[in-house]
Amino acid sequence: MFKCALVCTDFTDSLQRLIKFVPDVVQSGLDKIVFFHNVAITAEREIPKVDAAAIASAEETLATAQEATLPDGKSVVVEVCSGRVLDNISKVARRHHADVVILGTPTRSLLTERIFGSTTVGIAKQLEIPLMILRPPLVSAYREQELSLRCQTLFDHLLVPFDGSKSANHLVENIKAAAQTHSHPKQCTLCWVVDDSIRVELRQPEDQVKALLQDAKANLEAAGIEVFSEMRAGDPQSEILKSAEVNDISAIAISSGKSKGILKWSVPSFTSALLRSSWHPVIHFPSAN
């Protein structure tokens, strides 16, 4: 699905564990993995100074990733930078032509997520590439055998919330293009949730919903993806999470416009609510707008 992943870790998000599983991660279709860590500028006596010791320590920690034996055409790079984290992430992503950024996010509170969100928002504004959000508590809890298998199947089966909107169709096109180029994902589940808080007379007719689902299914199948589809009724967020539990997925794929969702974490929306509540990895694709 992706060829070059930029894995950003601050060493408290558990993503540094991935350095031990590089051969497994490349089995998910990646050709190149870039591990990134940013060291803040110190202010000794109010004079900005590069923390050389912290940089050397981070480089030593991440160097383990480069010891892995990989198939021809696969590679690992370590980038430790000092200064403004957003600027450095953007520079490193562009230098290596990363097509996905992998980040961790806490679940302790909405306030915490807003603080983290400032970094995520900045990345989303500067880089028009997908962001994959992983839950640090979950990554930290995996045993090594479990994490190995998870790394191998990062992009195998995507759950796609689908409602026939422009954003949903754009997401389908992105997934289709990825499968045609990179042979991932191998499977997708399209899930349409009929919001039961909407009056019956305002809902789309069931035959129309089924037709739109069938069109999206056929579009993805044209790229060689095995596609499943389902209709549910209830609260969209709850039903998507229930679908994720029963369909053996790798990640939830979402997309939202720039006026909502991931770019405004403080505004209630389906996207931000899903990011707060899902224990499954979430891949956010930039909107076409």
C-alpha atoms as a PDB file:
ATOM      1  CA  MET A   1       0.000   0.000   0.000  1.00  0.00           C
ATOM      2  CA  PHE A   2       2.924   2.261   0.818  1.00  0.00           C
ATOM      3  CA  LYS A   3       6.575   2.084  -0.221  1.00  0.00           C
ATOM      4  CA  CYS A   4       8.307   4.416   2.253  1.00  0.00           C
ATOM      5  CA  ALA A   5       7.155   4.911   5.847  1.00  0.00           C
ATOM      6  CA  LEU A   6       8.444   7.639   8.128  1.00  0.00           C
ATOM      7  CA  VAL A   7       8.155   6.315  11.698  1.00  0.00           C
ATOM      8  CA  CYS A   8       8.271   9.200  14.168  1.00  0.00           C
ATOM      9  CA  THR A   9       9.066   8.264  17.772  1.00  0.00           C
ATOM     10  CA  ASP A  10       9.828  10.283  20.890  1.00  0.00           C
ATOM     11  CA  PHE A  11      10.784   7.090  22.801  1.00  0.00           C
ATOM     12  CA  THR A  12       7.704   7.376  25.040  1.00  0.00           C
ATOM     13  CA  ASP A  13       5.174   6.245  22.422  1.00  0.00           C
ATOM     14  CA  SER A  14       6.419   2.616  22.143  1.00  0.00           C
ATOM     15  CA  LEU A  15       7.027   2.999  18.400  1.00  0.00           C
ATOM     16  CA  GLN A  16      10.741   2.561  19.074  1.00  0.00           C
ATOM     17  CA  ARG A  17       9.894  -1.127  19.570  1.00  0.00           C
ATOM     18  CA  LEU A  18       9.519  -1.393  15.799  1.00  0.00           C
ATOM     19  CA  ILE A  19      13.296  -1.172  15.348  1.00  0.00           C
ATOM     20  CA  LYS A  20      13.470  -4.839  16.392  1.00  0.00           C
ATOM     21  CA  PHE A  21      10.875  -5.884  13.801  1.00  0.00           C
ATOM     22  CA  VAL A  22      12.137  -4.295  10.586  1.00  0.00           C
ATOM     23  CA  PRO A  23      12.080  -7.597   8.589  1.00  0.00           C
ATOM     24  CA  ASP A  24       8.445  -8.032   9.642  1.00  0.00           C
ATOM     25  CA  VAL A  25       7.473  -4.452   8.776  1.00  0.00           C
ATOM     26  CA  VAL A  26       8.857  -4.725   5.240  1.00  0.00           C
ATOM     27  CA  GLN A  27       6.642  -7.777   4.706  1.00  0.00           C
ATOM     28  CA  SER A  28       3.703  -5.367   4.826  1.00  0.00           C
ATOM     29  CA  GLY A  29       4.817  -4.103   1.408  1.00  0.00           C
ATOM     30  CA  LEU A  30       7.262  -1.367   2.398  1.00  0.00           C
ATOM     31  CA  ASP A  31      10.567  -0.964   0.578  1.00  0.00           C
ATOM     32  CA  LYS A  32      12.012   1.663   2.909  1.00  0.00           C
ATOM     33  CA  ILE A  33      11.561   2.557   6.589  1.00  0.00           C
ATOM     34  CA  VAL A  34      12.848   5.829   8.006  1.00  0.00           C
ATOM     35  CA  PHE A  35      13.033   6.032  11.793  1.00  0.00           C
ATOM     36  CA  PHE A  36      12.903   9.636  12.987  1.00  0.00           C
ATOM     37  CA  HIS A  37      13.556  11.195  16.379  1.00  0.00           C
ATOM     38  CA  ASN A  38      13.722  14.889  17.211  1.00  0.00           C
ATOM     39  CA  VAL A  39      15.896  16.373  19.947  1.00  0.00           C
ATOM     40  CA  ALA A  40      14.836  19.707  21.377  1.00  0.00           C
ATOM     41  CA  ILE A  41      17.220  22.655  21.448  1.00  0.00           C
ATOM     42  CA  THR A  42      18.422  23.323  25.003  1.00  0.00           C
ATOM     43  CA  ALA A  43      18.506  26.830  26.455  1.00  0.00           C
ATOM     44  CA  GLU A  44      21.571  26.898  28.660  1.00  0.00           C
ATOM     45  CA  ARG A  45      21.894  30.407  30.100  1.00  0.00           C
ATOM     46  CA  GLU A  46      19.247  31.450  27.569  1.00  0.00           C
ATOM     47  CA  ILE A  47      21.578  30.553  24.688  1.00  0.00           C
ATOM     48  CA  PRO A  48      20.071  27.949  22.293  1.00  0.00           C
ATOM     49  CA  LYS A  49      22.327  24.918  22.076  1.00  0.00           C
ATOM     50  CA  VAL A  50      22.201  21.585  20.269  1.00  0.00           C
ATOM     51  CA  ASP A  51      22.136  18.685  22.728  1.00  0.00           C
ATOM     52  CA  ALA A  52      24.883  16.575  21.161  1.00  0.00           C
ATOM     53  CA  ALA A  53      24.714  13.919  23.872  1.00  0.00           C
ATOM     54  CA  ALA A  54      20.963  13.398  23.359  1.00  0.00           C
ATOM     55  CA  ILE A  55      21.449  13.140  19.593  1.00  0.00           C
ATOM     56  CA  ALA A  56      24.207  10.542  19.998  1.00  0.00           C
ATOM     57  CA  SER A  57      22.087   8.536  22.433  1.00  0.00           C
ATOM     58  CA  ALA A  58      19.084   8.547  20.070  1.00  0.00           C
ATOM     59  CA  GLU A  59      21.230   7.518  17.113  1.00  0.00           C
ATOM     60  CA  GLU A  60      22.676   4.635  19.131  1.00  0.00           C
ATOM     61  CA  THR A  61      19.192   3.459  20.133  1.00  0.00           C
ATOM     62  CA  LEU A  62      17.797   3.561  16.592  1.00  0.00           C
ATOM     63  CA  ALA A  63      20.914   2.047  14.995  1.00  0.00           C
ATOM     64  CA  THR A  64      19.607  -1.385  15.960  1.00  0.00           C
ATOM     65  CA  ALA A  65      17.120  -1.064  13.103  1.00  0.00           C
ATOM     66  CA  GLN A  66      19.972  -0.981  10.574  1.00  0.00           C
ATOM     67  CA  GLU A  67      21.378  -4.303  11.774  1.00  0.00           C
ATOM     68  CA  ALA A  68      18.468  -6.245  10.248  1.00  0.00           C
ATOM     69  CA  THR A  69      19.119  -8.500   7.270  1.00  0.00           C
ATOM     70  CA  LEU A  70      16.708  -7.465   4.532  1.00  0.00           C
ATOM     71  CA  PRO A  71      15.864  -8.676   1.013  1.00  0.00           C
ATOM     72  CA  ASP A  72      17.352  -6.827  -1.954  1.00  0.00           C
ATOM     73  CA  GLY A  73      15.599  -3.517  -2.574  1.00  0.00           C
ATOM     74  CA  LYS A  74      14.642  -3.037   1.075  1.00  0.00           C
ATOM     75  CA  SER A  75      16.365  -0.447   3.279  1.00  0.00           C
ATOM     76  CA  VAL A  76      16.320   1.281   6.662  1.00  0.00           C
ATOM     77  CA  VAL A  77      17.409   4.834   7.430  1.00  0.00           C
ATOM     78  CA  VAL A  78      17.837   6.578  10.800  1.00  0.00           C
ATOM     79  CA  GLU A  79      17.316  10.324  11.055  1.00  0.00           C
ATOM     80  CA  VAL A  80      17.923  12.179  14.323  1.00  0.00           C
ATOM     81  CA  CYS A  81      17.428  15.923  14.073  1.00  0.00           C
ATOM     82  CA  SER A  82      17.527  18.903  16.410  1.00  0.00           C
ATOM     83  CA  GLY A  83      15.258  21.933  16.279  1.00  0.00           C
ATOM     84  CA  ARG A  84      11.610  22.458  15.351  1.00  0.00           C
ATOM     85  CA  VAL A  85       9.959  19.057  15.186  1.00  0.00           C
ATOM     86  CA  LEU A  86       7.374  19.957  12.506  1.00  0.00           C
ATOM     87  CA  ASP A  87       9.956  21.456  10.185  1.00  0.00           C
ATOM     88  CA  ASN A  88      12.266  18.485  10.625  1.00  0.00           C
ATOM     89  CA  ILE A  89       9.531  15.903  10.031  1.00  0.00           C
ATOM     90  CA  SER A  90       8.527  17.690   6.834  1.00  0.00           C
ATOM     91  CA  LYS A  91      12.125  17.929   5.591  1.00  0.00           C
ATOM     92  CA  VAL A  92      12.891  14.279   6.318  1.00  0.00           C
ATOM     93  CA  ALA A  93       9.616  13.094   4.759  1.00  0.00           C
ATOM     94  CA  ARG A  94      10.304  15.015   1.559  1.00  0.00           C
ATOM     95  CA  ARG A  95      13.956  13.989   1.410  1.00  0.00           C
ATOM     96  CA  HIS A  96      13.049  10.312   1.491  1.00  0.00           C
ATOM     97  CA  HIS A  97       9.802  10.629  -0.508  1.00  0.00           C
ATOM     98  CA  ALA A  98       7.817   9.114   2.348  1.00  0.00           C
ATOM     99  CA  ASP A  99       4.254   8.219   1.367  1.00  0.00           C
ATOM    100  CA  VAL A 100       2.987   7.578   4.919  1.00  0.00           C
ATOM    101  CA  VAL A 101       3.874   8.992   8.340  1.00  0.00           C
ATOM    102  CA  ILE A 102       3.414   6.670  11.328  1.00  0.00           C
ATOM    103  CA  LEU A 103       2.722   8.331  14.669  1.00  0.00           C
ATOM    104  CA  GLY A 104       1.598   7.398  18.153  1.00  0.00           C
ATOM    105  CA  THR A 105      -1.080   9.142  20.190  1.00  0.00           C
ATOM    106  CA  PRO A 106      -2.172   8.810  23.819  1.00  0.00           C
ATOM    107  CA  THR A 107      -5.708   8.030  24.991  1.00  0.00           C
ATOM    108  CA  ARG A 108      -5.679   9.536  28.462  1.00  0.00           C
ATOM    109  CA  SER A 109      -7.903  12.539  27.772  1.00  0.00           C
ATOM    110  CA  LEU A 110      -9.230  14.865  25.116  1.00  0.00           C
ATOM    111  CA  LEU A 111      -6.964  17.604  26.492  1.00  0.00           C
ATOM    112  CA  THR A 112      -3.903  15.390  26.036  1.00  0.00           C
ATOM    113  CA  GLU A 113      -4.987  14.595  22.491  1.00  0.00           C
ATOM    114  CA  ARG A 114      -5.343  18.280  21.698  1.00  0.00           C
ATOM    115  CA  ILE A 115      -1.774  18.837  22.843  1.00  0.00           C
ATOM    116  CA  PHE A 116      -0.578  15.924  20.704  1.00  0.00           C
ATOM    117  CA  GLY A 117      -2.910  17.108  17.986  1.00  0.00           C
ATOM    118  CA  SER A 118      -0.906  20.294  17.522  1.00  0.00           C
ATOM    119  CA  THR A 119       1.897  18.171  16.081  1.00  0.00           C
ATOM    120  CA  THR A 120      -0.485  16.037  14.033  1.00  0.00           C
ATOM    121  CA  VAL A 121      -2.290  19.104  12.711  1.00  0.00           C
ATOM    122  CA  GLY A 122       1.009  20.677  11.701  1.00  0.00           C
ATOM    123  CA  ILE A 123       2.128  17.544   9.859  1.00  0.00           C
ATOM    124  CA  ALA A 124      -1.232  17.238   8.098  1.00  0.00           C
ATOM    125  CA  LYS A 125      -0.986  20.865   6.957  1.00  0.00           C
ATOM    126  CA  GLN A 126       2.578  20.575   5.685  1.00  0.00           C
ATOM    127  CA  LEU A 127       2.445  17.101   4.132  1.00  0.00           C
ATOM    128  CA  GLU A 128      -0.326  15.916   1.831  1.00  0.00           C
ATOM    129  CA  ILE A 129       0.288  12.240   2.583  1.00  0.00           C
ATOM    130  CA  PRO A 130      -1.558   9.727   4.779  1.00  0.00           C
ATOM    131  CA  LEU A 131      -0.977   9.619   8.534  1.00  0.00           C
ATOM    132  CA  MET A 132      -1.150   6.292  10.365  1.00  0.00           C
ATOM    133  CA  ILE A 133      -2.019   6.618  14.043  1.00  0.00           C
ATOM    134  CA  LEU A 134      -1.042   3.782  16.409  1.00  0.00           C
ATOM    135  CA  ARG A 135      -2.041   3.435  20.061  1.00  0.00           C
ATOM    136  CA  PRO A 136       1.131   3.372  22.223  1.00  0.00           C
ATOM    137  CA  PRO A 137      -0.520   1.426  25.092  1.00  0.00           C
ATOM    138  CA  LEU A 138      -1.492  -1.307  22.642  1.00  0.00           C
ATOM    139  CA  VAL A 139       1.900  -1.454  20.938  1.00  0.00           C
ATOM    140  CA  SER A 140       3.616  -1.616  24.325  1.00  0.00           C
ATOM    141  CA  ALA A 141       1.371  -4.485  25.478  1.00  0.00           C
ATOM    142  CA  TYR A 142       2.099  -6.825  22.554  1.00  0.00           C
ATOM    143  CA  ARG A 143       4.454  -9.703  23.207  1.00  0.00           C
ATOM    144  CA  GLU A 144       7.226  -9.989  20.617  1.00  0.00           C
ATOM    145  CA  GLN A 145       5.499 -12.796  18.682  1.00  0.00           C
ATOM    146  CA  GLU A 146       2.297 -10.731  18.553  1.00  0.00           C
ATOM    147  CA  LEU A 147       4.053  -7.559  17.448  1.00  0.00           C
ATOM    148  CA  SER A 148       5.940  -9.478  14.779  1.00  0.00           C
ATOM    149  CA  LEU A 149       2.688 -10.699  13.235  1.00  0.00           C
ATOM    150  CA  ARG A 150       1.054  -7.271  13.559  1.00  0.00           C
ATOM    151  CA  CYS A 151       3.972  -5.666  11.712  1.00  0.00           C
ATOM    152  CA  GLN A 152       3.689  -8.159   8.857  1.00  0.00           C
ATOM    153  CA  THR A 153       0.005  -7.336   8.325  1.00  0.00           C
ATOM    154  CA  LEU A 154      -0.085  -3.571   8.896  1.00  0.00           C
ATOM    155  CA  PHE A 155      -1.962  -2.883   5.657  1.00  0.00           C
ATOM    156  CA  ASP A 156      -3.509  -6.232   4.740  1.00  0.00           C
ATOM    157  CA  HIS A 157      -7.189  -5.603   5.547  1.00  0.00           C
ATOM    158  CA  LEU A 158      -8.707  -2.121   5.751  1.00  0.00           C
ATOM    159  CA  LEU A 159     -12.088  -1.237   7.205  1.00  0.00           C
ATOM    160  CA  VAL A 160     -13.522   1.634   5.150  1.00  0.00           C
ATOM    161  CA  PRO A 161     -16.462   3.607   6.588  1.00  0.00           C
ATOM    162  CA  PHE A 162     -18.424   4.454   3.449  1.00  0.00           C
ATOM    163  CA  ASP A 163     -21.410   6.754   2.925  1.00  0.00           C
ATOM    164  CA  GLY A 164     -21.302   7.525  -0.790  1.00  0.00           C
ATOM    165  CA  SER A 165     -19.931  11.037  -0.187  1.00  0.00           C
ATOM    166  CA  LYS A 166     -17.222  12.747  -2.224  1.00  0.00           C
ATOM    167  CA  SER A 167     -14.760  12.185   0.616  1.00  0.00           C
ATOM    168  CA  ALA A 168     -15.643   8.473   0.851  1.00  0.00           C
ATOM    169  CA  ASN A 169     -15.272   7.969  -2.904  1.00  0.00           C
ATOM    170  CA  HIS A 170     -11.948   9.811  -2.854  1.00  0.00           C
ATOM    171  CA  LEU A 171     -10.792   7.423  -0.121  1.00  0.00           C
ATOM    172  CA  VAL A 172     -11.812   4.433  -2.241  1.00  0.00           C
ATOM    173  CA  GLU A 173      -9.833   5.821  -5.179  1.00  0.00           C
ATOM    174  CA  ASN A 174      -6.753   6.253  -2.979  1.00  0.00           C
ATOM    175  CA  ILE A 175      -6.973   2.672  -1.764  1.00  0.00           C
ATOM    176  CA  LYS A 176      -7.528   1.390  -5.288  1.00  0.00           C
ATOM    177  CA  ALA A 177      -4.474   3.281  -6.576  1.00  0.00           C
ATOM    178  CA  ALA A 178      -2.350   1.896  -3.735  1.00  0.00           C
ATOM    179  CA  ALA A 179      -3.398  -1.665  -4.472  1.00  0.00           C
ATOM    180  CA  GLN A 180      -2.660  -1.271  -8.180  1.00  0.00           C
ATOM    181  CA  THR A 181       0.817   0.060  -7.455  1.00  0.00           C
ATOM    182  CA  HIS A 182       1.874  -1.800  -4.318  1.00  0.00           C
ATOM    183  CA  SER A 183      -0.370  -4.904  -4.060  1.00  0.00           C
ATOM    184  CA  HIS A 184      -1.710  -3.791  -0.661  1.00  0.00           C
ATOM    185  CA  PRO A 185      -4.271  -3.869   0.831  1.00  0.00           C
ATOM    186  CA  LYS A 186      -5.300  -7.389   0.002  1.00  0.00           C
ATOM    187  CA  GLN A 187      -8.774  -7.039   1.538  1.00  0.00           C
ATOM    188  CA  CYS A 188     -11.245  -4.262   2.327  1.00  0.00           C
ATOM    189  CA  THR A 189     -14.509  -4.173   4.234  1.00  0.00           C
ATOM    190  CA  LEU A 190     -16.873  -1.384   3.202  1.00  0.00           C
ATOM    191  CA  CYS A 191     -19.180  -0.469   6.078  1.00  0.00           C
ATOM    192  CA  TRP A 192     -22.216   1.795   5.605  1.00  0.00           C
ATOM    193  CA  VAL A 193     -23.883   2.802   8.873  1.00  0.00           C
ATOM    194  CA  VAL A 194     -27.424   4.111   8.693  1.00  0.00           C
ATOM    195  CA  ASP A 195     -27.540   6.718  11.455  1.00  0.00           C
ATOM    196  CA  ASP A 196     -30.656   5.916  13.475  1.00  0.00           C
ATOM    197  CA  SER A 197     -30.731   9.455  14.901  1.00  0.00           C
ATOM    198  CA  ILE A 198     -31.777  10.723  11.451  1.00  0.00           C
ATOM    199  CA  ARG A 199     -35.490  10.681  10.667  1.00  0.00           C
ATOM    200  CA  VAL A 200     -36.479   7.844   8.346  1.00  0.00           C
ATOM    201  CA  GLU A 201     -37.816  10.145   5.648  1.00  0.00           C
ATOM    202  CA  LEU A 202     -34.430  11.924   5.468  1.00  0.00           C
ATOM    203  CA  ARG A 203     -32.348   8.779   5.022  1.00  0.00           C
ATOM    204  CA  GLN A 204     -31.158   7.491   1.670  1.00  0.00           C
ATOM    205  CA  PRO A 205     -33.351   4.662   0.339  1.00  0.00           C
ATOM    206  CA  GLU A 206     -31.948   1.214   1.074  1.00  0.00           C
ATOM    207  CA  ASP A 207     -31.773   0.229  -2.586  1.00  0.00           C
ATOM    208  CA  GLN A 208     -29.747   3.356  -3.320  1.00  0.00           C
ATOM    209  CA  VAL A 209     -27.359   2.581  -0.459  1.00  0.00           C
ATOM    210  CA  LYS A 210     -26.887  -0.975  -1.734  1.00  0.00           C
ATOM    211  CA  ALA A 211     -26.231   0.308  -5.267  1.00  0.00           C
ATOM    212  CA  LEU A 212     -23.578   2.779  -4.047  1.00  0.00           C
ATOM    213  CA  LEU A 213     -21.920   0.073  -1.974  1.00  0.00           C
ATOM    214  CA  GLN A 214     -21.894  -2.270  -4.957  1.00  0.00           C
ATOM    215  CA  ASP A 215     -20.297   0.398  -7.169  1.00  0.00           C
ATOM    216  CA  ALA A 216     -17.538   1.023  -4.605  1.00  0.00           C
ATOM    217  CA  LYS A 217     -17.031  -2.725  -4.157  1.00  0.00           C
ATOM    218  CA  ALA A 218     -16.659  -3.251  -7.912  1.00  0.00           C
ATOM    219  CA  ASN A 219     -14.237  -0.318  -8.130  1.00  0.00           C
ATOM    220  CA  LEU A 220     -11.933  -1.861  -5.512  1.00  0.00           C
ATOM    221  CA  GLU A 221     -12.259  -5.377  -6.924  1.00  0.00           C
ATOM    222  CA  ALA A 222     -10.959  -4.038 -10.235  1.00  0.00           C
ATOM    223  CA  ALA A 223      -7.634  -3.519  -8.450  1.00  0.00           C
ATOM    224  CA  GLY A 224      -7.513  -7.144  -7.286  1.00  0.00           C
ATOM    225  CA  ILE A 225      -8.740  -6.462  -3.739  1.00  0.00           C
ATOM    226  CA  GLU A 226     -11.032  -8.946  -2.040  1.00  0.00           C
ATOM    227  CA  VAL A 227     -13.948  -6.785  -0.886  1.00  0.00           C
ATOM    228  CA  PHE A 228     -16.665  -7.367   1.690  1.00  0.00           C
ATOM    229  CA  SER A 229     -19.538  -4.981   2.315  1.00  0.00           C
ATOM    230  CA  GLU A 230     -22.046  -4.569   5.086  1.00  0.00           C
ATOM    231  CA  MET A 231     -24.852  -2.288   6.218  1.00  0.00           C
ATOM    232  CA  ARG A 232     -25.422  -1.446   9.863  1.00  0.00           C
ATOM    233  CA  ALA A 233     -27.882   0.739  11.747  1.00  0.00           C
ATOM    234  CA  GLY A 234     -27.149   2.779  14.866  1.00  0.00           C
ATOM    235  CA  ASP A 235     -24.589   5.312  16.014  1.00  0.00           C
ATOM    236  CA  PRO A 236     -21.920   5.534  13.254  1.00  0.00           C
ATOM    237  CA  GLN A 237     -18.928   5.653  15.595  1.00  0.00           C
ATOM    238  CA  SER A 238     -20.105   2.732  17.730  1.00  0.00           C
ATOM    239  CA  GLU A 239     -21.058   0.602  14.754  1.00  0.00           C
ATOM    240  CA  ILE A 240     -17.732   1.165  12.974  1.00  0.00           C
ATOM    241  CA  LEU A 241     -15.889   0.057  16.115  1.00  0.00           C
ATOM    242  CA  LYS A 242     -18.117  -3.026  16.352  1.00  0.00           C
ATOM    243  CA  SER A 243     -17.386  -3.795  12.707  1.00  0.00           C
ATOM    244  CA  ALA A 244     -13.658  -3.491  13.408  1.00  0.00           C
ATOM    245  CA  GLU A 245     -13.972  -6.046  16.212  1.00  0.00           C
ATOM    246  CA  VAL A 246     -15.646  -8.750  14.135  1.00  0.00           C
ATOM    247  CA  ASN A 247     -14.004  -8.346  10.729  1.00  0.00           C
ATOM    248  CA  ASP A 248     -10.366  -9.146  11.595  1.00  0.00           C
ATOM    249  CA  ILE A 249      -9.031  -5.898  10.140  1.00  0.00           C
ATOM    250  CA  SER A 250      -5.535  -4.396  10.115  1.00  0.00           C
ATOM    251  CA  ALA A 251      -6.576  -0.743  10.270  1.00  0.00           C
ATOM    252  CA  ILE A 252      -9.466   1.663   9.781  1.00  0.00           C
ATOM    253  CA  ALA A 253      -9.079   3.968   6.757  1.00  0.00           C
ATOM    254  CA  ILE A 254     -10.719   7.396   6.948  1.00  0.00           C
ATOM    255  CA  SER A 255     -10.694  10.713   5.143  1.00  0.00           C
ATOM    256  CA  SER A 256     -12.170  14.101   5.993  1.00  0.00           C
ATOM    257  CA  GLY A 257     -12.267  17.597   4.582  1.00  0.00           C
ATOM    258  CA  LYS A 258      -9.903  20.288   5.798  1.00  0.00           C
ATOM    259  CA  SER A 259     -12.676  22.105   7.656  1.00  0.00           C
ATOM    260  CA  LYS A 260     -13.259  19.241  10.075  1.00  0.00           C
ATOM    261  CA  GLY A 261     -11.961  15.958  11.413  1.00  0.00           C
ATOM    262  CA  ILE A 262      -8.277  15.514  12.032  1.00  0.00           C
ATOM    263  CA  LEU A 263      -7.481  19.163  11.338  1.00  0.00           C
ATOM    264  CA  LYS A 264      -9.815  20.383  14.118  1.00  0.00           C
ATOM    265  CA  TRP A 265      -9.470  18.038  17.053  1.00  0.00           C
ATOM    266  CA  SER A 266     -11.502  20.279  19.383  1.00  0.00           C
ATOM    267  CA  VAL A 267     -14.576  20.184  17.101  1.00  0.00           C
ATOM    268  CA  PRO A 268     -16.818  17.126  17.553  1.00  0.00           C
ATOM    269  CA  SER A 269     -16.781  15.048  14.400  1.00  0.00           C
ATOM    270  CA  PHE A 270     -16.877  11.455  13.299  1.00  0.00           C
ATOM    271  CA  THR A 271     -13.187  11.449  12.394  1.00  0.00           C
ATOM    272  CA  SER A 272     -11.839  12.925  15.630  1.00  0.00           C
ATOM    273  CA  ALA A 273     -14.223  10.797  17.730  1.00  0.00           C
ATOM    274  CA  LEU A 274     -13.037   7.667  15.948  1.00  0.00           C
ATOM    275  CA  LEU A 275      -9.401   8.602  16.502  1.00  0.00           C
ATOM    276  CA  ARG A 276     -10.070   9.063  20.212  1.00  0.00           C
ATOM    277  CA  SER A 277     -11.935   5.798  20.695  1.00  0.00           C
ATOM    278  CA  SER A 278     -10.411   3.247  18.307  1.00  0.00           C
ATOM    279  CA  TRP A 279      -7.791   0.823  19.561  1.00  0.00           C
ATOM    280  CA  HIS A 280      -7.223  -0.289  15.989  1.00  0.00           C
ATOM    281  CA  PRO A 281      -4.664   1.613  13.913  1.00  0.00           C
ATOM    282  CA  VAL A 282      -6.260   4.459  11.944  1.00  0.00           C
ATOM    283  CA  ILE A 283      -4.965   5.668   8.571  1.00  0.00           C
ATOM    284  CA  HIS A 284      -6.096   9.179   7.712  1.00  0.00           C
ATOM    285  CA  PHE A 285      -5.928  10.039   4.013  1.00  0.00           C
ATOM    286  CA  PRO A 286      -5.866  13.703   2.932  1.00  0.00           C
ATOM    287  CA  SER A 287      -9.072  14.962   1.405  1.00  0.00           C
ATOM    288  CA  ALA A 288      -9.368  15.898  -2.254  1.00  0.00           C
ATOM    289  CA  ASN A 289     -10.651  19.343  -1.190  1.00  0.00           C
END
